[in-house]
Amino acid sequence: GVHSVTVVSSDGLMLLSSDPGHHRAKEAGPSDGPKGSSADLATIVSGI
């Protein structure tokens, strides 16, 4: 059930990212990740 994972530093910068949705052959859908971008997930995580 995990789509993507990111590690964000205390100042909001992405340090690590792993996004299997971009490496597997599957049809893209609305639940494949925030806009399909690891950077978007990092921004969301930092804000939360």
All heavy atoms as atom14 arrays in JSON, in Angstrom:
{
  "sequence": "GVHSVTVVSSDGLMLLSSDPGHHRAKEAGPSDGPKGSSADLATIVSGI",
  "atom14_mask": [
    [1, 1, 1, 1, 0, 0, 0, 0, 0, 0, 0, 0, 0, 0],
    [1, 1, 1, 1, 1, 1, 1, 0, 0, 0, 0, 0, 0, 0],
    [1, 1, 1, 1, 1, 1, 1, 1, 1, 1, 0, 0, 0, 0],
    [1, 1, 1, 1, 1, 1, 0, 0, 0, 0, 0, 0, 0, 0],
    [1, 1, 1, 1, 1, 1, 1, 0, 0, 0, 0, 0, 0, 0],
    [1, 1, 1, 1, 1, 1, 1, 0, 0, 0, 0, 0, 0, 0],
    [1, 1, 1, 1, 1, 1, 1, 0, 0, 0, 0, 0, 0, 0],
    [1, 1, 1, 1, 1, 1, 1, 0, 0, 0, 0, 0, 0, 0],
    [1, 1, 1, 1, 1, 1, 0, 0, 0, 0, 0, 0, 0, 0],
    [1, 1, 1, 1, 1, 1, 0, 0, 0, 0, 0, 0, 0, 0],
    [1, 1, 1, 1, 1, 1, 1, 1, 0, 0, 0, 0, 0, 0],
    [1, 1, 1, 1, 0, 0, 0, 0, 0, 0, 0, 0, 0, 0],
    [1, 1, 1, 1, 1, 1, 1, 1, 0, 0, 0, 0, 0, 0],
    [1, 1, 1, 1, 1, 1, 1, 1, 0, 0, 0, 0, 0, 0],
    [1, 1, 1, 1, 1, 1, 1, 1, 0, 0, 0, 0, 0, 0],
    [1, 1, 1, 1, 1, 1, 1, 1, 0, 0, 0, 0, 0, 0],
    [1, 1, 1, 1, 1, 1, 0, 0, 0, 0, 0, 0, 0, 0],
    [1, 1, 1, 1, 1, 1, 0, 0, 0, 0, 0, 0, 0, 0],
    [1, 1, 1, 1, 1, 1, 1, 1, 0, 0, 0, 0, 0, 0],
    [1, 1, 1, 1, 1, 1, 1, 0, 0, 0, 0, 0, 0, 0],
    [1, 1, 1, 1, 0, 0, 0, 0, 0, 0, 0, 0, 0, 0],
    [1, 1, 1, 1, 1, 1, 1, 1, 1, 1, 0, 0, 0, 0],
    [1, 1, 1, 1, 1, 1, 1, 1, 1, 1, 0, 0, 0, 0],
    [1, 1, 1, 1, 1, 1, 1, 1, 1, 1, 1, 0, 0, 0],
    [1, 1, 1, 1, 1, 0, 0, 0, 0, 0, 0, 0, 0, 0],
    [1, 1, 1, 1, 1, 1, 1, 1, 1, 0, 0, 0, 0, 0],
    [1, 1, 1, 1, 1, 1, 1, 1, 1, 0, 0, 0, 0, 0],
    [1, 1, 1, 1, 1, 0, 0, 0, 0, 0, 0, 0, 0, 0],
    [1, 1, 1, 1, 0, 0, 0, 0, 0, 0, 0, 0, 0, 0],
    [1, 1, 1, 1, 1, 1, 1, 0, 0, 0, 0, 0, 0, 0],
    [1, 1, 1, 1, 1, 1, 0, 0, 0, 0, 0, 0, 0, 0],
    [1, 1, 1, 1, 1, 1, 1, 1, 0, 0, 0, 0, 0, 0],
    [1, 1, 1, 1, 0, 0, 0, 0, 0, 0, 0, 0, 0, 0],
    [1, 1, 1, 1, 1, 1, 1, 0, 0, 0, 0, 0, 0, 0],
    [1, 1, 1, 1, 1, 1, 1, 1, 1, 0, 0, 0, 0, 0],
    [1, 1, 1, 1, 0, 0, 0, 0, 0, 0, 0, 0, 0, 0],
    [1, 1, 1, 1, 1, 1, 0, 0, 0, 0, 0, 0, 0, 0],
    [1, 1, 1, 1, 1, 1, 0, 0, 0, 0, 0, 0, 0, 0],
    [1, 1, 1, 1, 1, 0, 0, 0, 0, 0, 0, 0, 0, 0],
    [1, 1, 1, 1, 1, 1, 1, 1, 0, 0, 0, 0, 0, 0],
    [1, 1, 1, 1, 1, 1, 1, 1, 0, 0, 0, 0, 0, 0],
    [1, 1, 1, 1, 1, 0, 0, 0, 0, 0, 0, 0, 0, 0],
    [1, 1, 1, 1, 1, 1, 1, 0, 0, 0, 0, 0, 0, 0],
    [1, 1, 1, 1, 1, 1, 1, 1, 0, 0, 0, 0, 0, 0],
    [1, 1, 1, 1, 1, 1, 1, 0, 0, 0, 0, 0, 0, 0],
    [1, 1, 1, 1, 1, 1, 0, 0, 0, 0, 0, 0, 0, 0],
    [1, 1, 1, 1, 0, 0, 0, 0, 0, 0, 0, 0, 0, 0],
    [1, 1, 1, 1, 1, 1, 1, 1, 0, 0, 0, 0, 0, 0]
  ],
  "atom14_positions": [
    [[0.78, -1.23, 0.0], [0.0, 0.0, 0.0], [0.81, 1.28, 0.0], [0.25, 2.36, -0.13], [0.0, 0.0, 0.0], [0.0, 0.0, 0.0], [0.0, 0.0, 0.0], [0.0, 0.0, 0.0], [0.0, 0.0, 0.0], [0.0, 0.0, 0.0], [0.0, 0.0, 0.0], [0.0, 0.0, 0.0], [0.0, 0.0, 0.0], [0.0, 0.0, 0.0]],
    [[2.12, 1.19, 0.16], [2.94, 2.4, 0.17], [3.24, 2.82, -1.27], [3.75, 2.03, -2.05], [4.25, 2.19, 0.97], [5.19, 3.37, 0.81], [3.94, 1.97, 2.44], [0.0, 0.0, 0.0], [0.0, 0.0, 0.0], [0.0, 0.0, 0.0], [0.0, 0.0, 0.0], [0.0, 0.0, 0.0], [0.0, 0.0, 0.0], [0.0, 0.0, 0.0]],
    [[2.89, 4.07, -1.59], [3.16, 4.63, -2.92], [4.55, 5.23, -2.99], [5.32, 4.96, -3.9], [2.16, 5.73, -3.28], [0.83, 5.24, -3.7], [0.63, 4.38, -4.73], [-0.4, 5.52, -3.21], [-0.66, 4.15, -4.88], [-1.3, 4.82, -3.96], [0.0, 0.0, 0.0], [0.0, 0.0, 0.0], [0.0, 0.0, 0.0], [0.0, 0.0, 0.0]],
    [[4.85, 6.12, -2.04], [6.13, 6.82, -2.08], [6.52, 7.24, -0.67], [5.69, 7.33, 0.23], [6.06, 8.04, -3.0], [5.05, 8.94, -2.6], [0.0, 0.0, 0.0], [0.0, 0.0, 0.0], [0.0, 0.0, 0.0], [0.0, 0.0, 0.0], [0.0, 0.0, 0.0], [0.0, 0.0, 0.0], [0.0, 0.0, 0.0], [0.0, 0.0, 0.0]],
    [[7.83, 7.49, -0.52], [8.41, 7.83, 0.78], [9.43, 8.93, 0.55], [10.12, 8.95, -0.46], [9.1, 6.6, 1.42], [9.67, 6.94, 2.78], [8.14, 5.43, 1.53], [0.0, 0.0, 0.0], [0.0, 0.0, 0.0], [0.0, 0.0, 0.0], [0.0, 0.0, 0.0], [0.0, 0.0, 0.0], [0.0, 0.0, 0.0], [0.0, 0.0, 0.0]],
    [[9.54, 9.84, 1.52], [10.55, 10.88, 1.45], [11.09, 11.18, 2.84], [10.4, 10.97, 3.84], [10.0, 12.16, 0.79], [11.05, 13.07, 0.53], [8.95, 12.84, 1.66], [0.0, 0.0, 0.0], [0.0, 0.0, 0.0], [0.0, 0.0, 0.0], [0.0, 0.0, 0.0], [0.0, 0.0, 0.0], [0.0, 0.0, 0.0], [0.0, 0.0, 0.0]],
    [[12.33, 11.65, 2.88], [12.92, 12.17, 4.11], [13.21, 13.64, 3.86], [13.81, 14.0, 2.84], [14.22, 11.42, 4.49], [14.88, 12.08, 5.69], [13.92, 9.95, 4.78], [0.0, 0.0, 0.0], [0.0, 0.0, 0.0], [0.0, 0.0, 0.0], [0.0, 0.0, 0.0], [0.0, 0.0, 0.0], [0.0, 0.0, 0.0], [0.0, 0.0, 0.0]],
    [[12.76, 14.48, 4.79], [12.88, 15.92, 4.66], [13.7, 16.45, 5.84], [13.49, 16.04, 6.98], [11.48, 16.58, 4.65], [11.56, 18.07, 4.52], [10.61, 15.99, 3.55], [0.0, 0.0, 0.0], [0.0, 0.0, 0.0], [0.0, 0.0, 0.0], [0.0, 0.0, 0.0], [0.0, 0.0, 0.0], [0.0, 0.0, 0.0], [0.0, 0.0, 0.0]],
    [[14.61, 17.37, 5.55], [15.42, 17.98, 6.61], [14.58, 18.98, 7.4], [13.48, 19.35, 6.98], [16.64, 18.67, 6.02], [16.24, 19.79, 5.25], [0.0, 0.0, 0.0], [0.0, 0.0, 0.0], [0.0, 0.0, 0.0], [0.0, 0.0, 0.0], [0.0, 0.0, 0.0], [0.0, 0.0, 0.0], [0.0, 0.0, 0.0], [0.0, 0.0, 0.0]],
    [[15.11, 19.45, 8.5], [14.38, 20.4, 9.35], [14.09, 21.71, 8.64], [13.15, 22.41, 9.0], [15.17, 20.67, 10.63], [16.43, 21.23, 10.31], [0.0, 0.0, 0.0], [0.0, 0.0, 0.0], [0.0, 0.0, 0.0], [0.0, 0.0, 0.0], [0.0, 0.0, 0.0], [0.0, 0.0, 0.0], [0.0, 0.0, 0.0], [0.0, 0.0, 0.0]],
    [[14.88, 22.04, 7.6], [14.61, 23.27, 6.86], [13.75, 23.03, 5.62], [13.62, 23.89, 4.75], [15.91, 23.99, 6.48], [16.9, 23.12, 5.76], [16.61, 21.94, 5.52], [17.99, 23.61, 5.42], [0.0, 0.0, 0.0], [0.0, 0.0, 0.0], [0.0, 0.0, 0.0], [0.0, 0.0, 0.0], [0.0, 0.0, 0.0], [0.0, 0.0, 0.0]],
    [[13.14, 21.84, 5.52], [12.17, 21.56, 4.47], [12.74, 21.04, 3.16], [12.01, 20.89, 2.2], [0.0, 0.0, 0.0], [0.0, 0.0, 0.0], [0.0, 0.0, 0.0], [0.0, 0.0, 0.0], [0.0, 0.0, 0.0], [0.0, 0.0, 0.0], [0.0, 0.0, 0.0], [0.0, 0.0, 0.0], [0.0, 0.0, 0.0], [0.0, 0.0, 0.0]],
    [[14.03, 20.74, 3.13], [14.63, 20.24, 1.89], [14.59, 18.72, 1.85], [14.87, 18.06, 2.84], [16.07, 20.73, 1.75], [16.24, 22.23, 1.65], [17.72, 22.59, 1.64], [15.56, 22.77, 0.4], [0.0, 0.0, 0.0], [0.0, 0.0, 0.0], [0.0, 0.0, 0.0], [0.0, 0.0, 0.0], [0.0, 0.0, 0.0], [0.0, 0.0, 0.0]],
    [[14.26, 18.17, 0.68], [14.21, 16.73, 0.51], [15.62, 16.16, 0.54], [16.51, 16.61, -0.17], [13.53, 16.39, -0.82], [13.36, 14.92, -1.04], [12.27, 14.49, -2.42], [12.82, 15.55, -3.72], [0.0, 0.0, 0.0], [0.0, 0.0, 0.0], [0.0, 0.0, 0.0], [0.0, 0.0, 0.0], [0.0, 0.0, 0.0], [0.0, 0.0, 0.0]],
    [[15.83, 15.15, 1.4], [17.13, 14.49, 1.52], [17.14, 13.14, 0.81], [18.16, 12.74, 0.25], [17.48, 14.28, 3.0], [17.63, 15.51, 3.86], [17.89, 15.12, 5.31], [18.72, 16.41, 3.33], [0.0, 0.0, 0.0], [0.0, 0.0, 0.0], [0.0, 0.0, 0.0], [0.0, 0.0, 0.0], [0.0, 0.0, 0.0], [0.0, 0.0, 0.0]],
    [[16.04, 12.43, 0.88], [15.91, 11.11, 0.27], [14.51, 10.97, -0.3], [13.57, 11.55, 0.24], [16.07, 10.0, 1.31], [17.43, 9.67, 1.86], [17.3, 8.74, 3.05], [18.28, 9.02, 0.79], [0.0, 0.0, 0.0], [0.0, 0.0, 0.0], [0.0, 0.0, 0.0], [0.0, 0.0, 0.0], [0.0, 0.0, 0.0], [0.0, 0.0, 0.0]],
    [[14.42, 10.19, -1.35], [13.12, 9.95, -1.95], [13.12, 8.61, -2.63], [14.11, 8.21, -3.23], [12.81, 11.05, -2.96], [11.65, 10.73, -3.67], [0.0, 0.0, 0.0], [0.0, 0.0, 0.0], [0.0, 0.0, 0.0], [0.0, 0.0, 0.0], [0.0, 0.0, 0.0], [0.0, 0.0, 0.0], [0.0, 0.0, 0.0], [0.0, 0.0, 0.0]],
    [[12.01, 7.91, -2.54], [11.85, 6.65, -3.25], [10.42, 6.6, -3.74], [9.49, 6.65, -2.94], [12.14, 5.48, -2.32], [12.01, 4.28, -3.02], [0.0, 0.0, 0.0], [0.0, 0.0, 0.0], [0.0, 0.0, 0.0], [0.0, 0.0, 0.0], [0.0, 0.0, 0.0], [0.0, 0.0, 0.0], [0.0, 0.0, 0.0], [0.0, 0.0, 0.0]],
    [[10.25, 6.53, -5.02], [8.92, 6.58, -5.6], [8.74, 5.44, -6.59], [9.08, 5.57, -7.76], [8.72, 7.92, -6.29], [7.27, 8.19, -6.62], [6.46, 7.25, -6.56], [6.95, 9.33, -6.94], [0.0, 0.0, 0.0], [0.0, 0.0, 0.0], [0.0, 0.0, 0.0], [0.0, 0.0, 0.0], [0.0, 0.0, 0.0], [0.0, 0.0, 0.0]],
    [[8.2, 4.3, -6.14], [8.1, 3.13, -7.01], [7.14, 3.34, -8.16], [7.24, 2.66, -9.17], [7.6, 2.03, -6.07], [6.82, 2.76, -5.05], [7.57, 4.06, -4.85], [0.0, 0.0, 0.0], [0.0, 0.0, 0.0], [0.0, 0.0, 0.0], [0.0, 0.0, 0.0], [0.0, 0.0, 0.0], [0.0, 0.0, 0.0], [0.0, 0.0, 0.0]],
    [[6.22, 4.25, -8.06], [5.27, 4.5, -9.13], [5.94, 4.94, -10.41], [5.41, 4.75, -11.5], [0.0, 0.0, 0.0], [0.0, 0.0, 0.0], [0.0, 0.0, 0.0], [0.0, 0.0, 0.0], [0.0, 0.0, 0.0], [0.0, 0.0, 0.0], [0.0, 0.0, 0.0], [0.0, 0.0, 0.0], [0.0, 0.0, 0.0], [0.0, 0.0, 0.0]],
    [[7.13, 5.5, -10.32], [7.84, 5.95, -11.5], [8.74, 4.86, -12.06], [9.32, 5.03, -13.11], [8.68, 7.19, -11.17], [7.83, 8.36, -10.78], [6.97, 8.97, -11.65], [7.68, 9.01, -9.6], [6.34, 9.96, -11.04], [6.75, 9.99, -9.79], [0.0, 0.0, 0.0], [0.0, 0.0, 0.0], [0.0, 0.0, 0.0], [0.0, 0.0, 0.0]],
    [[8.87, 3.75, -11.35], [9.76, 2.69, -11.79], [9.0, 1.46, -12.26], [9.56, 0.59, -12.86], [10.71, 2.29, -10.65], [11.51, 3.44, -10.16], [12.41, 4.12, -10.92], [11.51, 4.06, -8.95], [12.95, 5.11, -10.22], [12.41, 5.08, -9.02], [0.0, 0.0, 0.0], [0.0, 0.0, 0.0], [0.0, 0.0, 0.0], [0.0, 0.0, 0.0]],
    [[7.72, 1.38, -11.93], [6.92, 0.22, -12.32], [6.03, 0.59, -13.5], [5.57, 1.71, -13.61], [6.02, -0.22, -11.16], [6.78, -0.77, -10.0], [5.82, -1.28, -8.96], [6.57, -1.59, -7.76], [6.07, -1.53, -6.55], [4.83, -1.18, -6.35], [6.8, -1.82, -5.51], [0.0, 0.0, 0.0], [0.0, 0.0, 0.0], [0.0, 0.0, 0.0]],
    [[5.78, -0.38, -14.34], [4.87, -0.16, -15.47], [3.45, -0.33, -14.95], [2.95, -1.43, -14.8], [5.17, -1.14, -16.58], [0.0, 0.0, 0.0], [0.0, 0.0, 0.0], [0.0, 0.0, 0.0], [0.0, 0.0, 0.0], [0.0, 0.0, 0.0], [0.0, 0.0, 0.0], [0.0, 0.0, 0.0], [0.0, 0.0, 0.0], [0.0, 0.0, 0.0]],
    [[2.79, 0.78, -14.67], [1.41, 0.72, -14.26], [0.72, 1.98, -14.73], [1.35, 3.0, -14.99], [1.27, 0.56, -12.74], [1.73, 1.74, -11.93], [1.5, 1.46, -10.47], [1.74, 2.72, -9.65], [1.5, 2.54, -8.26], [0.0, 0.0, 0.0], [0.0, 0.0, 0.0], [0.0, 0.0, 0.0], [0.0, 0.0, 0.0], [0.0, 0.0, 0.0]],
    [[-0.57, 1.89, -14.83], [-1.33, 3.02, -15.32], [-1.39, 4.1, -14.23], [-1.7, 3.82, -13.08], [-2.74, 2.54, -15.67], [-3.57, 3.58, -16.36], [-4.9, 3.0, -16.8], [-4.92, 1.86, -17.29], [-5.9, 3.69, -16.62], [0.0, 0.0, 0.0], [0.0, 0.0, 0.0], [0.0, 0.0, 0.0], [0.0, 0.0, 0.0], [0.0, 0.0, 0.0]],
    [[-1.09, 5.32, -14.62], [-1.11, 6.42, -13.66], [-2.55, 6.73, -13.28], [-3.45, 6.69, -14.11], [-0.45, 7.65, -14.24], [0.0, 0.0, 0.0], [0.0, 0.0, 0.0], [0.0, 0.0, 0.0], [0.0, 0.0, 0.0], [0.0, 0.0, 0.0], [0.0, 0.0, 0.0], [0.0, 0.0, 0.0], [0.0, 0.0, 0.0], [0.0, 0.0, 0.0]],
    [[-2.74, 7.04, -12.04], [-4.07, 7.39, -11.56], [-3.97, 8.47, -10.52], [-2.88, 8.86, -10.1], [0.0, 0.0, 0.0], [0.0, 0.0, 0.0], [0.0, 0.0, 0.0], [0.0, 0.0, 0.0], [0.0, 0.0, 0.0], [0.0, 0.0, 0.0], [0.0, 0.0, 0.0], [0.0, 0.0, 0.0], [0.0, 0.0, 0.0], [0.0, 0.0, 0.0]],
    [[-5.11, 8.97, -10.06], [-5.09, 10.08, -9.11], [-4.47, 9.73, -7.77], [-4.04, 10.6, -7.05], [-6.57, 10.44, -8.94], [-7.32, 9.22, -9.39], [-6.45, 8.54, -10.41], [0.0, 0.0, 0.0], [0.0, 0.0, 0.0], [0.0, 0.0, 0.0], [0.0, 0.0, 0.0], [0.0, 0.0, 0.0], [0.0, 0.0, 0.0], [0.0, 0.0, 0.0]],
    [[-4.36, 8.44, -7.43], [-3.79, 8.06, -6.13], [-2.32, 7.67, -6.22], [-1.77, 7.12, -5.3], [-4.6, 6.91, -5.53], [-4.48, 5.77, -6.34], [0.0, 0.0, 0.0], [0.0, 0.0, 0.0], [0.0, 0.0, 0.0], [0.0, 0.0, 0.0], [0.0, 0.0, 0.0], [0.0, 0.0, 0.0], [0.0, 0.0, 0.0], [0.0, 0.0, 0.0]],
    [[-1.68, 7.93, -7.37], [-0.28, 7.53, -7.55], [0.7, 8.45, -6.86], [1.89, 8.23, -6.89], [0.08, 7.44, -9.04], [-0.56, 6.21, -9.67], [-0.87, 5.27, -8.93], [-0.74, 6.23, -10.88], [0.0, 0.0, 0.0], [0.0, 0.0, 0.0], [0.0, 0.0, 0.0], [0.0, 0.0, 0.0], [0.0, 0.0, 0.0], [0.0, 0.0, 0.0]],
    [[0.26, 9.5, -6.25], [1.15, 10.39, -5.53], [0.73, 11.82, -5.73], [-0.01, 12.13, -6.66], [0.0, 0.0, 0.0], [0.0, 0.0, 0.0], [0.0, 0.0, 0.0], [0.0, 0.0, 0.0], [0.0, 0.0, 0.0], [0.0, 0.0, 0.0], [0.0, 0.0, 0.0], [0.0, 0.0, 0.0], [0.0, 0.0, 0.0], [0.0, 0.0, 0.0]],
    [[1.19, 12.7, -4.87], [0.83, 14.11, -5.02], [1.45, 14.64, -6.31], [2.65, 14.81, -6.39], [1.4, 14.78, -3.77], [2.38, 13.8, -3.22], [2.02, 12.44, -3.73], [0.0, 0.0, 0.0], [0.0, 0.0, 0.0], [0.0, 0.0, 0.0], [0.0, 0.0, 0.0], [0.0, 0.0, 0.0], [0.0, 0.0, 0.0], [0.0, 0.0, 0.0]],
    [[0.61, 14.84, -7.31], [1.03, 15.31, -8.63], [2.12, 14.43, -9.23], [2.81, 14.84, -10.13], [1.53, 16.76, -8.57], [0.53, 17.74, -8.02], [-0.51, 18.07, -9.02], [-1.38, 19.19, -8.47], [-2.58, 19.4, -9.14], [0.0, 0.0, 0.0], [0.0, 0.0, 0.0], [0.0, 0.0, 0.0], [0.0, 0.0, 0.0], [0.0, 0.0, 0.0]],
    [[2.31, 13.22, -8.67], [3.32, 12.31, -9.19], [4.74, 12.71, -8.87], [5.67, 12.17, -9.41], [0.0, 0.0, 0.0], [0.0, 0.0, 0.0], [0.0, 0.0, 0.0], [0.0, 0.0, 0.0], [0.0, 0.0, 0.0], [0.0, 0.0, 0.0], [0.0, 0.0, 0.0], [0.0, 0.0, 0.0], [0.0, 0.0, 0.0], [0.0, 0.0, 0.0]],
    [[4.93, 13.64, -7.98], [6.26, 14.17, -7.72], [6.7, 13.94, -6.29], [5.97, 14.24, -5.35], [6.24, 15.68, -8.01], [7.4, 16.29, -7.53], [0.0, 0.0, 0.0], [0.0, 0.0, 0.0], [0.0, 0.0, 0.0], [0.0, 0.0, 0.0], [0.0, 0.0, 0.0], [0.0, 0.0, 0.0], [0.0, 0.0, 0.0], [0.0, 0.0, 0.0]],
    [[7.92, 13.45, -6.15], [8.5, 13.3, -4.81], [8.69, 14.65, -4.15], [8.57, 14.78, -2.93], [9.84, 12.58, -4.9], [9.67, 11.3, -5.43], [0.0, 0.0, 0.0], [0.0, 0.0, 0.0], [0.0, 0.0, 0.0], [0.0, 0.0, 0.0], [0.0, 0.0, 0.0], [0.0, 0.0, 0.0], [0.0, 0.0, 0.0], [0.0, 0.0, 0.0]],
    [[8.99, 15.67, -4.95], [9.16, 17.02, -4.4], [7.85, 17.52, -3.8], [7.86, 18.2, -2.76], [9.66, 17.98, -5.47], [0.0, 0.0, 0.0], [0.0, 0.0, 0.0], [0.0, 0.0, 0.0], [0.0, 0.0, 0.0], [0.0, 0.0, 0.0], [0.0, 0.0, 0.0], [0.0, 0.0, 0.0], [0.0, 0.0, 0.0], [0.0, 0.0, 0.0]],
    [[6.71, 17.18, -4.42], [5.43, 17.57, -3.85], [5.18, 16.88, -2.52], [4.71, 17.51, -1.57], [4.29, 17.24, -4.82], [4.27, 18.14, -6.04], [4.9, 19.22, -6.01], [3.62, 17.75, -7.03], [0.0, 0.0, 0.0], [0.0, 0.0, 0.0], [0.0, 0.0, 0.0], [0.0, 0.0, 0.0], [0.0, 0.0, 0.0], [0.0, 0.0, 0.0]],
    [[5.52, 15.61, -2.43], [5.36, 14.89, -1.16], [6.25, 15.52, -0.1], [5.82, 15.72, 1.04], [5.68, 13.4, -1.31], [5.57, 12.56, -0.03], [4.17, 12.63, 0.56], [5.97, 11.12, -0.3], [0.0, 0.0, 0.0], [0.0, 0.0, 0.0], [0.0, 0.0, 0.0], [0.0, 0.0, 0.0], [0.0, 0.0, 0.0], [0.0, 0.0, 0.0]],
    [[7.47, 15.88, -0.45], [8.38, 16.52, 0.51], [7.81, 17.84, 1.01], [7.89, 18.16, 2.21], [9.75, 16.73, -0.12], [0.0, 0.0, 0.0], [0.0, 0.0, 0.0], [0.0, 0.0, 0.0], [0.0, 0.0, 0.0], [0.0, 0.0, 0.0], [0.0, 0.0, 0.0], [0.0, 0.0, 0.0], [0.0, 0.0, 0.0], [0.0, 0.0, 0.0]],
    [[7.2, 18.6, 0.11], [6.59, 19.88, 0.5], [5.43, 19.65, 1.47], [5.3, 20.35, 2.48], [6.1, 20.63, -0.75], [7.22, 20.86, -1.61], [5.45, 21.95, -0.39], [0.0, 0.0, 0.0], [0.0, 0.0, 0.0], [0.0, 0.0, 0.0], [0.0, 0.0, 0.0], [0.0, 0.0, 0.0], [0.0, 0.0, 0.0], [0.0, 0.0, 0.0]],
    [[4.61, 18.67, 1.16], [3.47, 18.34, 2.02], [3.94, 17.89, 3.4], [3.44, 18.34, 4.44], [2.59, 17.26, 1.36], [1.9, 17.85, 0.13], [1.57, 16.68, 2.33], [1.33, 16.81, -0.83], [0.0, 0.0, 0.0], [0.0, 0.0, 0.0], [0.0, 0.0, 0.0], [0.0, 0.0, 0.0], [0.0, 0.0, 0.0], [0.0, 0.0, 0.0]],
    [[4.94, 17.01, 3.43], [5.47, 16.5, 4.69], [6.04, 17.63, 5.53], [5.8, 17.72, 6.74], [6.53, 15.4, 4.42], [7.33, 15.06, 5.67], [5.85, 14.17, 3.85], [0.0, 0.0, 0.0], [0.0, 0.0, 0.0], [0.0, 0.0, 0.0], [0.0, 0.0, 0.0], [0.0, 0.0, 0.0], [0.0, 0.0, 0.0], [0.0, 0.0, 0.0]],
    [[6.79, 18.52, 4.9], [7.37, 19.65, 5.61], [6.28, 20.55, 6.2], [6.37, 20.98, 7.35], [8.27, 20.45, 4.66], [8.86, 21.53, 5.33], [0.0, 0.0, 0.0], [0.0, 0.0, 0.0], [0.0, 0.0, 0.0], [0.0, 0.0, 0.0], [0.0, 0.0, 0.0], [0.0, 0.0, 0.0], [0.0, 0.0, 0.0], [0.0, 0.0, 0.0]],
    [[5.25, 20.81, 5.42], [4.15, 21.64, 5.9], [3.39, 21.0, 7.05], [3.08, 21.66, 8.04], [0.0, 0.0, 0.0], [0.0, 0.0, 0.0], [0.0, 0.0, 0.0], [0.0, 0.0, 0.0], [0.0, 0.0, 0.0], [0.0, 0.0, 0.0], [0.0, 0.0, 0.0], [0.0, 0.0, 0.0], [0.0, 0.0, 0.0], [0.0, 0.0, 0.0]],
    [[3.08, 19.72, 6.92], [2.39, 19.01, 7.99], [3.24, 19.0, 9.25], [2.75, 19.24, 10.36], [2.02, 17.57, 7.57], [0.92, 17.59, 6.51], [1.61, 16.73, 8.77], [0.62, 16.24, 5.88], [0.0, 0.0, 0.0], [0.0, 0.0, 0.0], [0.0, 0.0, 0.0], [0.0, 0.0, 0.0], [0.0, 0.0, 0.0], [0.0, 0.0, 0.0]]
  ]
}
